[in-house]
Amino acid sequence: MIAGWNPIAGHSHTTLNLARHMREFFTDDQAVRFALDCRRAGITTWQVSHGAKAAAVLERVREVEPDLGIICLHAEQGLRGTVDEAINTCRPFAMAHHGNVTDAMFRAGHEGKIRDYLKKVHDAGILAGVSSHNPVNIKRIADAGWEVDFFMTCFYYVTRPREDQREHLGKVVVGEPFFESDADDMTEVIRQVDRPCLAFKILAAGRKCWSRYSVKRAFQYAFENIKPTDAVIVGMYPRFQNEIEENVKHVMEFGIGE
């Protein structure tokens, strides 16, 4: 399991008030404490998004845990700086092209810019990956033989365009679309590609967190439907219970092969 970043940055994927709630809780001090708690629980890798908050927090975390592995989610198109700047700030061992930008570029026919981005990351000596919410994009990249080291694969196609929803479903949801069958579509592709996949939003951005049982079932589903070489990225909000400890237990139960 890899620790996620969205709750720390206040990306709730539900309501504005929850986003504010998360940002209020995750001060820099609390974000540092979270990272160190994850490390003590056995989590060795943190996926962060490049920006001022990540820079400030990582500088402090490394004073205590210099070996914490960092995967940086980033894109140069309007997302805070160049590849070199993100590397200098986050010092990651891997970088992934941001999923929202990936999906938008594929829709616009500009996927060549993503390949250019991967080359920049590789030229810097860093593992290069692509994140996407659309399984079709992942399969296209894999089938075309791009020089990509890993994928970040969302269980839910939350960037599904309104016109696509209307055409295929006859209606448009309010906010981001989370459809139950999306996880089946993405995991089918995950099992087909030969690169490691880092599955994220396995808890549907909190929608599968109404009970401890539903959380457990979500972890079970994820590990039963991805490859042995894959991992999960899980955002955590340990304000009300020890989600770090509980999630590690689920990984130990379902994610550790014999």
C-alpha atoms as a PDB file:
ATOM      1  CA  MET A   1       0.000   0.000   0.000  1.00  0.00           C
ATOM      2  CA  ILE A   2       1.131   3.499  -0.892  1.00  0.00           C
ATOM      3  CA  ALA A   3      -0.179   6.469   1.087  1.00  0.00           C
ATOM      4  CA  GLY A   4      -2.156   8.971  -0.981  1.00  0.00           C
ATOM      5  CA  TRP A   5      -2.207  12.761  -0.975  1.00  0.00           C
ATOM      6  CA  ASN A   6      -5.718  14.006  -1.776  1.00  0.00           C
ATOM      7  CA  PRO A   7      -7.043  14.370   1.801  1.00  0.00           C
ATOM      8  CA  ILE A   8      -3.908  16.272   2.803  1.00  0.00           C
ATOM      9  CA  ALA A   9      -4.428  18.727  -0.051  1.00  0.00           C
ATOM     10  CA  GLY A  10      -8.159  18.961   0.685  1.00  0.00           C
ATOM     11  CA  HIS A  11      -9.384  17.186  -2.453  1.00  0.00           C
ATOM     12  CA  SER A  12     -12.444  15.478  -1.025  1.00  0.00           C
ATOM     13  CA  HIS A  13     -14.186  14.562  -4.325  1.00  0.00           C
ATOM     14  CA  THR A  14     -17.485  15.095  -2.496  1.00  0.00           C
ATOM     15  CA  THR A  15     -18.340  18.453  -0.922  1.00  0.00           C
ATOM     16  CA  LEU A  16     -16.663  21.812  -0.373  1.00  0.00           C
ATOM     17  CA  ASN A  17     -17.197  21.586   3.378  1.00  0.00           C
ATOM     18  CA  LEU A  18     -15.419  18.246   3.589  1.00  0.00           C
ATOM     19  CA  ALA A  19     -12.541  19.701   1.561  1.00  0.00           C
ATOM     20  CA  ARG A  20     -12.330  22.569   4.049  1.00  0.00           C
ATOM     21  CA  HIS A  21     -12.530  20.086   6.916  1.00  0.00           C
ATOM     22  CA  MET A  22      -9.563  18.176   5.513  1.00  0.00           C
ATOM     23  CA  ARG A  23      -7.482  21.293   4.909  1.00  0.00           C
ATOM     24  CA  GLU A  24      -8.216  22.489   8.440  1.00  0.00           C
ATOM     25  CA  PHE A  25      -7.045  19.179   9.894  1.00  0.00           C
ATOM     26  CA  PHE A  26      -3.991  18.628   7.722  1.00  0.00           C
ATOM     27  CA  THR A  27      -1.787  21.498   8.818  1.00  0.00           C
ATOM     28  CA  ASP A  28       1.856  21.062   7.878  1.00  0.00           C
ATOM     29  CA  ASP A  29       2.496  19.685  11.380  1.00  0.00           C
ATOM     30  CA  GLN A  30      -0.291  17.128  11.023  1.00  0.00           C
ATOM     31  CA  ALA A  31       0.801  16.152   7.517  1.00  0.00           C
ATOM     32  CA  VAL A  32       4.313  15.491   8.822  1.00  0.00           C
ATOM     33  CA  ARG A  33       2.870  13.447  11.677  1.00  0.00           C
ATOM     34  CA  PHE A  34       0.758  11.491   9.200  1.00  0.00           C
ATOM     35  CA  ALA A  35       3.783  10.628   7.056  1.00  0.00           C
ATOM     36  CA  LEU A  36       5.772   9.472  10.067  1.00  0.00           C
ATOM     37  CA  ASP A  37       2.831   7.429  11.375  1.00  0.00           C
ATOM     38  CA  CYS A  38       2.589   5.742   7.975  1.00  0.00           C
ATOM     39  CA  ARG A  39       6.275   4.940   8.020  1.00  0.00           C
ATOM     40  CA  ARG A  40       6.049   3.456  11.529  1.00  0.00           C
ATOM     41  CA  ALA A  41       3.124   1.310  10.347  1.00  0.00           C
ATOM     42  CA  GLY A  42       5.300  -0.163   7.601  1.00  0.00           C
ATOM     43  CA  ILE A  43       4.269   2.043   4.664  1.00  0.00           C
ATOM     44  CA  THR A  44       7.431   2.907   2.754  1.00  0.00           C
ATOM     45  CA  THR A  45       6.075   5.048  -0.101  1.00  0.00           C
ATOM     46  CA  TRP A  46       4.023   8.246  -0.331  1.00  0.00           C
ATOM     47  CA  GLN A  47       2.367   9.585  -3.471  1.00  0.00           C
ATOM     48  CA  VAL A  48       2.309  13.375  -3.390  1.00  0.00           C
ATOM     49  CA  SER A  49       1.321  16.143  -5.776  1.00  0.00           C
ATOM     50  CA  HIS A  50       3.958  18.742  -6.531  1.00  0.00           C
ATOM     51  CA  GLY A  51       3.307  22.093  -4.886  1.00  0.00           C
ATOM     52  CA  ALA A  52       4.215  24.386  -2.015  1.00  0.00           C
ATOM     53  CA  LYS A  53       2.583  22.233   0.672  1.00  0.00           C
ATOM     54  CA  ALA A  54       4.341  19.071  -0.469  1.00  0.00           C
ATOM     55  CA  ALA A  55       7.668  20.911  -0.575  1.00  0.00           C
ATOM     56  CA  ALA A  56       7.294  22.216   2.985  1.00  0.00           C
ATOM     57  CA  VAL A  57       6.098  18.909   4.414  1.00  0.00           C
ATOM     58  CA  LEU A  58       8.655  16.724   2.646  1.00  0.00           C
ATOM     59  CA  GLU A  59      11.533  18.888   3.799  1.00  0.00           C
ATOM     60  CA  ARG A  60      10.550  18.230   7.411  1.00  0.00           C
ATOM     61  CA  VAL A  61       9.702  14.552   6.929  1.00  0.00           C
ATOM     62  CA  ARG A  62      13.114  13.846   5.417  1.00  0.00           C
ATOM     63  CA  GLU A  63      14.831  15.185   8.524  1.00  0.00           C
ATOM     64  CA  VAL A  64      13.412  12.135  10.334  1.00  0.00           C
ATOM     65  CA  GLU A  65      12.780   9.631   7.522  1.00  0.00           C
ATOM     66  CA  PRO A  66      15.228  10.368   4.692  1.00  0.00           C
ATOM     67  CA  ASP A  67      14.485   7.043   2.976  1.00  0.00           C
ATOM     68  CA  LEU A  68      10.731   7.527   2.540  1.00  0.00           C
ATOM     69  CA  GLY A  69      10.000   6.773  -1.116  1.00  0.00           C
ATOM     70  CA  ILE A  70       8.148   9.475  -3.056  1.00  0.00           C
ATOM     71  CA  ILE A  71       6.028   9.154  -6.198  1.00  0.00           C
ATOM     72  CA  CYS A  72       5.219  12.581  -7.581  1.00  0.00           C
ATOM     73  CA  LEU A  73       1.971  13.188  -9.473  1.00  0.00           C
ATOM     74  CA  HIS A  74       2.568  16.051 -11.867  1.00  0.00           C
ATOM     75  CA  ALA A  75       1.970  17.588 -15.268  1.00  0.00           C
ATOM     76  CA  GLU A  76       3.524  20.683 -16.753  1.00  0.00           C
ATOM     77  CA  GLN A  77       0.234  21.954 -18.207  1.00  0.00           C
ATOM     78  CA  GLY A  78      -0.910  24.389 -15.521  1.00  0.00           C
ATOM     79  CA  LEU A  79       0.172  22.212 -12.613  1.00  0.00           C
ATOM     80  CA  ARG A  80       2.910  24.075 -10.818  1.00  0.00           C
ATOM     81  CA  GLY A  81       6.168  24.017 -12.624  1.00  0.00           C
ATOM     82  CA  THR A  82       8.408  21.985 -14.848  1.00  0.00           C
ATOM     83  CA  VAL A  83       9.581  18.393 -14.506  1.00  0.00           C
ATOM     84  CA  ASP A  84      12.951  19.589 -13.218  1.00  0.00           C
ATOM     85  CA  GLU A  85      11.319  21.828 -10.618  1.00  0.00           C
ATOM     86  CA  ALA A  86       9.125  18.979  -9.382  1.00  0.00           C
ATOM     87  CA  ILE A  87      12.124  16.656  -9.132  1.00  0.00           C
ATOM     88  CA  ASN A  88      14.188  19.226  -7.248  1.00  0.00           C
ATOM     89  CA  THR A  89      11.343  19.863  -4.832  1.00  0.00           C
ATOM     90  CA  CYS A  90      10.004  16.367  -4.207  1.00  0.00           C
ATOM     91  CA  ARG A  91      13.098  14.252  -4.999  1.00  0.00           C
ATOM     92  CA  PRO A  92      10.933  11.334  -6.156  1.00  0.00           C
ATOM     93  CA  PHE A  93      12.062   7.978  -7.450  1.00  0.00           C
ATOM     94  CA  ALA A  94       9.086   8.018  -9.847  1.00  0.00           C
ATOM     95  CA  MET A  95       6.761  10.535 -11.475  1.00  0.00           C
ATOM     96  CA  ALA A  96       3.321   9.992 -12.986  1.00  0.00           C
ATOM     97  CA  HIS A  97       1.598  12.204 -15.529  1.00  0.00           C
ATOM     98  CA  HIS A  98      -1.519  13.609 -13.841  1.00  0.00           C
ATOM     99  CA  GLY A  99      -4.674  11.640 -14.662  1.00  0.00           C
ATOM    100  CA  ASN A 100      -6.991  14.596 -15.267  1.00  0.00           C
ATOM    101  CA  VAL A 101      -4.521  16.063 -17.725  1.00  0.00           C
ATOM    102  CA  THR A 102      -3.934  12.668 -19.356  1.00  0.00           C
ATOM    103  CA  ASP A 103      -7.635  12.196 -19.975  1.00  0.00           C
ATOM    104  CA  ALA A 104      -8.064  15.718 -21.331  1.00  0.00           C
ATOM    105  CA  MET A 105      -5.107  15.300 -23.710  1.00  0.00           C
ATOM    106  CA  PHE A 106      -6.402  12.028 -25.075  1.00  0.00           C
ATOM    107  CA  ARG A 107      -9.807  13.597 -25.713  1.00  0.00           C
ATOM    108  CA  ALA A 108      -8.122  16.495 -27.529  1.00  0.00           C
ATOM    109  CA  GLY A 109      -5.842  14.234 -29.579  1.00  0.00           C
ATOM    110  CA  HIS A 110      -2.687  15.557 -27.902  1.00  0.00           C
ATOM    111  CA  GLU A 111      -1.385  12.311 -26.423  1.00  0.00           C
ATOM    112  CA  GLY A 112       1.982  12.978 -28.031  1.00  0.00           C
ATOM    113  CA  LYS A 113       2.571  15.581 -25.327  1.00  0.00           C
ATOM    114  CA  ILE A 114       2.285  12.842 -22.730  1.00  0.00           C
ATOM    115  CA  ARG A 115       5.006  10.837 -24.489  1.00  0.00           C
ATOM    116  CA  ASP A 116       7.188  13.961 -24.517  1.00  0.00           C
ATOM    117  CA  TYR A 117       6.611  14.281 -20.776  1.00  0.00           C
ATOM    118  CA  LEU A 118       7.658  10.662 -20.175  1.00  0.00           C
ATOM    119  CA  LYS A 119      10.860  11.287 -22.106  1.00  0.00           C
ATOM    120  CA  LYS A 120      11.690  14.300 -19.932  1.00  0.00           C
ATOM    121  CA  VAL A 121      11.194  12.236 -16.793  1.00  0.00           C
ATOM    122  CA  HIS A 122      13.316   9.368 -18.138  1.00  0.00           C
ATOM    123  CA  ASP A 123      16.034  11.800 -19.223  1.00  0.00           C
ATOM    124  CA  ALA A 124      16.194  12.930 -15.593  1.00  0.00           C
ATOM    125  CA  GLY A 125      16.818   9.347 -14.493  1.00  0.00           C
ATOM    126  CA  ILE A 126      13.397   8.920 -12.869  1.00  0.00           C
ATOM    127  CA  LEU A 127      10.828   6.161 -13.379  1.00  0.00           C
ATOM    128  CA  ALA A 128       8.015   7.520 -15.572  1.00  0.00           C
ATOM    129  CA  GLY A 129       4.356   6.570 -15.355  1.00  0.00           C
ATOM    130  CA  VAL A 130       0.958   7.660 -16.609  1.00  0.00           C
ATOM    131  CA  SER A 131      -2.142   8.123 -14.499  1.00  0.00           C
ATOM    132  CA  SER A 132      -5.623   7.889 -16.002  1.00  0.00           C
ATOM    133  CA  HIS A 133      -9.225   7.406 -14.935  1.00  0.00           C
ATOM    134  CA  ASN A 134     -10.196   5.922 -18.297  1.00  0.00           C
ATOM    135  CA  PRO A 135      -9.193   2.272 -18.870  1.00  0.00           C
ATOM    136  CA  VAL A 136      -9.257   2.829 -22.632  1.00  0.00           C
ATOM    137  CA  ASN A 137      -6.322   5.234 -22.295  1.00  0.00           C
ATOM    138  CA  ILE A 138      -4.292   2.725 -20.288  1.00  0.00           C
ATOM    139  CA  LYS A 139      -4.887   0.007 -22.887  1.00  0.00           C
ATOM    140  CA  ARG A 140      -4.022   2.300 -25.784  1.00  0.00           C
ATOM    141  CA  ILE A 141      -0.708   3.228 -24.185  1.00  0.00           C
ATOM    142  CA  ALA A 142       0.136  -0.395 -23.396  1.00  0.00           C
ATOM    143  CA  ASP A 143      -0.862  -1.663 -26.847  1.00  0.00           C
ATOM    144  CA  ALA A 144       1.195   1.057 -28.537  1.00  0.00           C
ATOM    145  CA  GLY A 145       4.299   0.039 -26.583  1.00  0.00           C
ATOM    146  CA  TRP A 146       5.033   3.395 -24.980  1.00  0.00           C
ATOM    147  CA  GLU A 147       8.180   3.568 -22.845  1.00  0.00           C
ATOM    148  CA  VAL A 148       6.288   3.705 -19.571  1.00  0.00           C
ATOM    149  CA  ASP A 149       7.404   2.078 -16.326  1.00  0.00           C
ATOM    150  CA  PHE A 150       4.076   1.960 -14.503  1.00  0.00           C
ATOM    151  CA  PHE A 151       0.474   3.136 -14.552  1.00  0.00           C
ATOM    152  CA  MET A 152      -1.710   4.826 -11.974  1.00  0.00           C
ATOM    153  CA  THR A 153      -5.157   3.369 -12.601  1.00  0.00           C
ATOM    154  CA  CYS A 154      -8.297   4.859 -11.079  1.00  0.00           C
ATOM    155  CA  PHE A 155     -11.091   2.450 -10.190  1.00  0.00           C
ATOM    156  CA  TYR A 156     -13.647   5.077 -11.271  1.00  0.00           C
ATOM    157  CA  TYR A 157     -13.876   7.034 -14.508  1.00  0.00           C
ATOM    158  CA  VAL A 158     -14.519  10.320 -12.732  1.00  0.00           C
ATOM    159  CA  THR A 159     -13.432  12.409 -15.742  1.00  0.00           C
ATOM    160  CA  ARG A 160     -16.103  10.838 -17.980  1.00  0.00           C
ATOM    161  CA  PRO A 161     -17.352  13.755 -20.131  1.00  0.00           C
ATOM    162  CA  ARG A 162     -20.938  14.976 -19.810  1.00  0.00           C
ATOM    163  CA  GLU A 163     -21.628  14.249 -23.452  1.00  0.00           C
ATOM    164  CA  ASP A 164     -20.397  10.680 -23.002  1.00  0.00           C
ATOM    165  CA  GLN A 165     -22.685  10.214 -19.998  1.00  0.00           C
ATOM    166  CA  ARG A 166     -25.654  11.556 -21.898  1.00  0.00           C
ATOM    167  CA  GLU A 167     -24.955   9.420 -24.955  1.00  0.00           C
ATOM    168  CA  HIS A 168     -24.436   6.133 -23.124  1.00  0.00           C
ATOM    169  CA  LEU A 169     -26.590   6.620 -20.025  1.00  0.00           C
ATOM    170  CA  GLY A 170     -29.238   9.053 -21.193  1.00  0.00           C
ATOM    171  CA  LYS A 171     -28.545  11.386 -18.266  1.00  0.00           C
ATOM    172  CA  VAL A 172     -25.763  13.274 -16.488  1.00  0.00           C
ATOM    173  CA  VAL A 173     -24.844  12.885 -12.824  1.00  0.00           C
ATOM    174  CA  VAL A 174     -24.365  15.821 -10.467  1.00  0.00           C
ATOM    175  CA  GLY A 175     -20.647  16.177  -9.808  1.00  0.00           C
ATOM    176  CA  GLU A 176     -18.150  13.438 -10.554  1.00  0.00           C
ATOM    177  CA  PRO A 177     -19.565  10.158 -11.867  1.00  0.00           C
ATOM    178  CA  PHE A 178     -18.830   7.125  -9.694  1.00  0.00           C
ATOM    179  CA  PHE A 179     -20.341   4.001 -11.258  1.00  0.00           C
ATOM    180  CA  GLU A 180     -20.018   0.610  -9.586  1.00  0.00           C
ATOM    181  CA  SER A 181     -19.101  -1.185 -12.815  1.00  0.00           C
ATOM    182  CA  ASP A 182     -16.154   1.144 -13.476  1.00  0.00           C
ATOM    183  CA  ALA A 183     -13.923  -0.852 -11.126  1.00  0.00           C
ATOM    184  CA  ASP A 184     -14.580  -4.015 -13.135  1.00  0.00           C
ATOM    185  CA  ASP A 185     -13.690  -2.208 -16.365  1.00  0.00           C
ATOM    186  CA  MET A 186     -10.417  -0.852 -15.003  1.00  0.00           C
ATOM    187  CA  THR A 187      -9.290  -4.041 -13.274  1.00  0.00           C
ATOM    188  CA  GLU A 188      -9.880  -6.001 -16.476  1.00  0.00           C
ATOM    189  CA  VAL A 189      -7.356  -3.728 -18.194  1.00  0.00           C
ATOM    190  CA  ILE A 190      -4.999  -3.802 -15.196  1.00  0.00           C
ATOM    191  CA  ARG A 191      -4.753  -7.574 -15.516  1.00  0.00           C
ATOM    192  CA  GLN A 192      -4.033  -7.310 -19.253  1.00  0.00           C
ATOM    193  CA  VAL A 193      -1.122  -4.862 -19.184  1.00  0.00           C
ATOM    194  CA  ASP A 194       2.340  -6.106 -18.291  1.00  0.00           C
ATOM    195  CA  ARG A 195       3.430  -2.993 -16.385  1.00  0.00           C
ATOM    196  CA  PRO A 196       2.863  -2.519 -12.638  1.00  0.00           C
ATOM    197  CA  CYS A 197      -0.379  -0.682 -11.906  1.00  0.00           C
ATOM    198  CA  LEU A 198      -0.988   1.477  -8.852  1.00  0.00           C
ATOM    199  CA  ALA A 199      -4.742   1.299  -8.291  1.00  0.00           C
ATOM    200  CA  PHE A 200      -6.275   4.368  -6.658  1.00  0.00           C
ATOM    201  CA  LYS A 201      -9.684   5.435  -5.410  1.00  0.00           C
ATOM    202  CA  ILE A 202     -10.339   1.831  -4.384  1.00  0.00           C
ATOM    203  CA  LEU A 203     -12.659   3.250  -1.693  1.00  0.00           C
ATOM    204  CA  ALA A 204     -14.470   5.472  -4.215  1.00  0.00           C
ATOM    205  CA  ALA A 205     -13.256   8.648  -2.499  1.00  0.00           C
ATOM    206  CA  GLY A 206     -14.949   7.642   0.754  1.00  0.00           C
ATOM    207  CA  ARG A 207     -18.147   6.310  -0.754  1.00  0.00           C
ATOM    208  CA  LYS A 208     -17.210   2.806   0.407  1.00  0.00           C
ATOM    209  CA  CYS A 209     -16.332   3.913   3.938  1.00  0.00           C
ATOM    210  CA  TRP A 210     -19.761   3.820   5.573  1.00  0.00           C
ATOM    211  CA  SER A 211     -18.710   0.834   7.665  1.00  0.00           C
ATOM    212  CA  ARG A 212     -15.545  -1.021   8.540  1.00  0.00           C
ATOM    213  CA  TYR A 213     -16.960  -4.022   6.692  1.00  0.00           C
ATOM    214  CA  SER A 214     -17.398  -2.063   3.458  1.00  0.00           C
ATOM    215  CA  VAL A 215     -13.813  -0.806   3.723  1.00  0.00           C
ATOM    216  CA  LYS A 216     -12.571  -4.351   4.240  1.00  0.00           C
ATOM    217  CA  ARG A 217     -14.562  -5.591   1.248  1.00  0.00           C
ATOM    218  CA  ALA A 218     -13.123  -2.813  -0.928  1.00  0.00           C
ATOM    219  CA  PHE A 219      -9.574  -3.866  -0.080  1.00  0.00           C
ATOM    220  CA  GLN A 220     -10.470  -7.492  -0.711  1.00  0.00           C
ATOM    221  CA  TYR A 221     -11.958  -6.673  -4.120  1.00  0.00           C
ATOM    222  CA  ALA A 222      -8.910  -4.614  -5.090  1.00  0.00           C
ATOM    223  CA  PHE A 223      -6.345  -7.273  -4.269  1.00  0.00           C
ATOM    224  CA  GLU A 224      -8.400 -10.065  -5.796  1.00  0.00           C
ATOM    225  CA  ASN A 225      -8.643  -8.180  -9.082  1.00  0.00           C
ATOM    226  CA  ILE A 226      -5.177  -6.697  -9.616  1.00  0.00           C
ATOM    227  CA  LYS A 227      -1.904  -8.450 -10.436  1.00  0.00           C
ATOM    228  CA  PRO A 228       0.666  -9.637  -7.854  1.00  0.00           C
ATOM    229  CA  THR A 229       3.040  -6.962  -9.180  1.00  0.00           C
ATOM    230  CA  ASP A 230       0.541  -4.161  -8.543  1.00  0.00           C
ATOM    231  CA  ALA A 231      -0.190  -1.974  -5.507  1.00  0.00           C
ATOM    232  CA  VAL A 232      -2.900   0.313  -4.166  1.00  0.00           C
ATOM    233  CA  ILE A 233      -2.715   4.018  -3.353  1.00  0.00           C
ATOM    234  CA  VAL A 234      -5.022   4.937  -0.489  1.00  0.00           C
ATOM    235  CA  GLY A 235      -5.799   8.413   0.787  1.00  0.00           C
ATOM    236  CA  MET A 236      -6.443   8.474   4.530  1.00  0.00           C
ATOM    237  CA  TYR A 237      -8.116  10.893   6.918  1.00  0.00           C
ATOM    238  CA  PRO A 238      -7.260   9.602  10.417  1.00  0.00           C
ATOM    239  CA  ARG A 239      -9.202  12.260  12.284  1.00  0.00           C
ATOM    240  CA  PHE A 240     -11.828   9.964  13.760  1.00  0.00           C
ATOM    241  CA  GLN A 241     -10.164   6.543  13.803  1.00  0.00           C
ATOM    242  CA  ASN A 242      -6.776   5.005  13.101  1.00  0.00           C
ATOM    243  CA  GLU A 243      -7.254   4.461   9.382  1.00  0.00           C
ATOM    244  CA  ILE A 244      -3.538   3.869   8.853  1.00  0.00           C
ATOM    245  CA  GLU A 245      -3.466   0.885  11.196  1.00  0.00           C
ATOM    246  CA  GLU A 246      -6.773  -0.511   9.932  1.00  0.00           C
ATOM    247  CA  ASN A 247      -5.801  -0.252   6.274  1.00  0.00           C
ATOM    248  CA  VAL A 248      -2.438  -1.884   6.883  1.00  0.00           C
ATOM    249  CA  LYS A 249      -4.287  -4.815   8.473  1.00  0.00           C
ATOM    250  CA  HIS A 250      -6.424  -5.183   5.341  1.00  0.00           C
ATOM    251  CA  VAL A 251      -3.315  -5.173   3.158  1.00  0.00           C
ATOM    252  CA  MET A 252      -1.713  -7.825   5.345  1.00  0.00           C
ATOM    253  CA  GLU A 253      -4.854  -9.954   5.054  1.00  0.00           C
ATOM    254  CA  PHE A 254      -5.561  -9.597   1.344  1.00  0.00           C
ATOM    255  CA  GLY A 255      -2.482  -8.132  -0.327  1.00  0.00           C
ATOM    256  CA  ILE A 256       0.398 -10.271   0.870  1.00  0.00           C
ATOM    257  CA  GLY A 257       0.968 -13.214  -1.432  1.00  0.00           C
ATOM    258  CA  GLU A 258       2.037 -16.636  -0.233  1.00  0.00           C
END
